[in-house]
Each structure stands twice: as structure tokens, then as C-alpha cells.
Amino acid sequence: MNQYRVLIDANDEKGLVHKVSSIFYKYDLNILSNSEFVDKESNKFFMRSVVEGAVNKKDLTDAINTVLPDNSSVKVIEPKKKNIIIMVTKELHALGDILIRHEAGELEANILAVVSNYDKLESLVSKFNIPYETISHVDLEREDHEQKIIECINSYEDVSYIVLAKYMRILTPAFVEAFEDKIINIHHSFLPAFIGANPYKQAYERGVKIIGATAHFVNNNLDEGPIIAQEVIHVNHAYSWKDMQRSGKDVEKVVLSRALKLALEDRIFVYENKTVIF
């Protein structure tokens, strides 16, 4: 028996859960799990179901669309490993955590390659038998450097997500547009506080009592894309900004891996620069 993830995004109206469930029943599908949410302010309905049975995906999609309002979105997805590419600069903690989780079979992903503007992390990646692509930015305009990265990424087939595991260069609008809704970043701060450079120093100077990390989709507003996952830890007056930075790295790697896992499992709906996560 095959499993399917059914993702529905529609304008809300009475009886949608019953109507969709009736379609599942019609096609003799067993509902393994089901979650739904209504944003009353925007009148938006979101539903994620995992069903099991024998059905043609197009037939199921078309049948569900017949009971939904106009302009609804329906996706029927067969669970399988998604292809991802990781981008890094010099820091290894976020990359290392993903590589270990991947090696342990914890992520529904095929890591096609790790791309960096330095070769510093190549020895680490080689231990996992994953291709490492060094594309130096030296003596290149930002747009020219990014074009080389775009060409590299496009040389791999069916890339679902690009993971910025501490890739420390600001992306241009052209790069973001080339991979719209596919770029996941980890920011070393509990957004929206302390955006931009060296947020730990900013937090130290502000005298904060908690620090955190935020994983988000990338858009053309610096560090302001839809938030996927966040976490915080407590600090106190005895912490220097470097102490905060060291503690923060542990939070960063956990939050990034959590966000990636949610994306790989098709648990994220994005709307109005926000997310609904099941």
C-alpha cells in the first residue's frame, strides 16, 4: 500500500474537513494522520493529511479540487527522499550536525553536494563521501560569483532545497528569485531582534537574558523571510559576547536541522510571510 501526503491551502468555508474526508473514503484510503488550521483573520484553511491506499495521484488531486473553493491549492505527495544542496563558508557546526543526522538516516534527504566559497570544510565533507564544490568569490563581482553558484546548483537534478548552513554572504535578489521558496537559512539570533552582523555582540551590549536562533526561508528582505523554527537558551550577566556565541552555536545547529526536517516531511505552509507548521 502506498502512502500520500495531502496538502491543502484554501479559503475557509463550512464543511471542508468533511468534504475532503469523504473523498478519502470514496477512494478507500485510510487516514493515518490529519491536522488542520484556520486563520480567522485571513479566512485561510490549511490541512495536512497522511493517507494510505491505492490511488492515482492525479485522480485524487482532481477529486479533492471539486469540493474546494476556487483558487485552492492541493498537493498530493508520495513520501521520498528530497534532493538538497548545502551552502557553507567556514563554520562547521551547522554543517556537521546535518551531515551526522543524514548519515544516521534521520533526514529524508539526499545531499547532492556541499558548495562553498572556501575549501576549508572539504576534508570534513569528504569523510561522508559527498561532493564538495569550491567556488571562490575572490576577484569576482558578487553577481558573477553567484552566477557560478547557480550554474553549479543547476548542474544537479531536481534540487528541492538549498540549505544555508552558515553561508556568510548576503544573497542578491537574482539568486533568491532563481530558487524562490527553496532557500532555508539559519540566523544566529531570535528574530526579529538583532538582525544583521554580529547579533551576539548586539545582544551582549543590550544585556539580554536569553539568546536564540531562527531558521527561516530566504526572501529579499534581510533576515525577514517566513520563520520555520526558533529556540532560545538562558544566559546571564557573567556571559561575554563570545560566551554567548559559543552557546548559541549549539542552538543554531539544532534549529536548522529541525527546520530542514519539517521541510523534508512537507509540514510547512507559507503564506503572508508567515508559516503554518503541522
Foldseek 3Di string as FASTA:
>chain_A
DFKKKKKKKAQDDPPLVVQLVVLCVVQVKAWPDKDWDADVVVNMIIMITMIDDDDDQVVSQVSSVVPGDPPMDIDIGGAAAAEEEEEAEADCLQVVLVLVCVVVVNARYDHQEYEYLDCNCVVVVVVSVHHYHHQHCPPHDLVVSLVVVLVVVVVDPRHQAYEYSHHPDDDDQVNCVSQPPRYKYKDFFDPPPQFDPLSLQVCLVVFDFKTKMWIAHDHRPGPQAATQFMDIDTDHNVDDSVNVVVVSSVRRNVRSVVSNRQVSVVQWDDDPRYIDGD
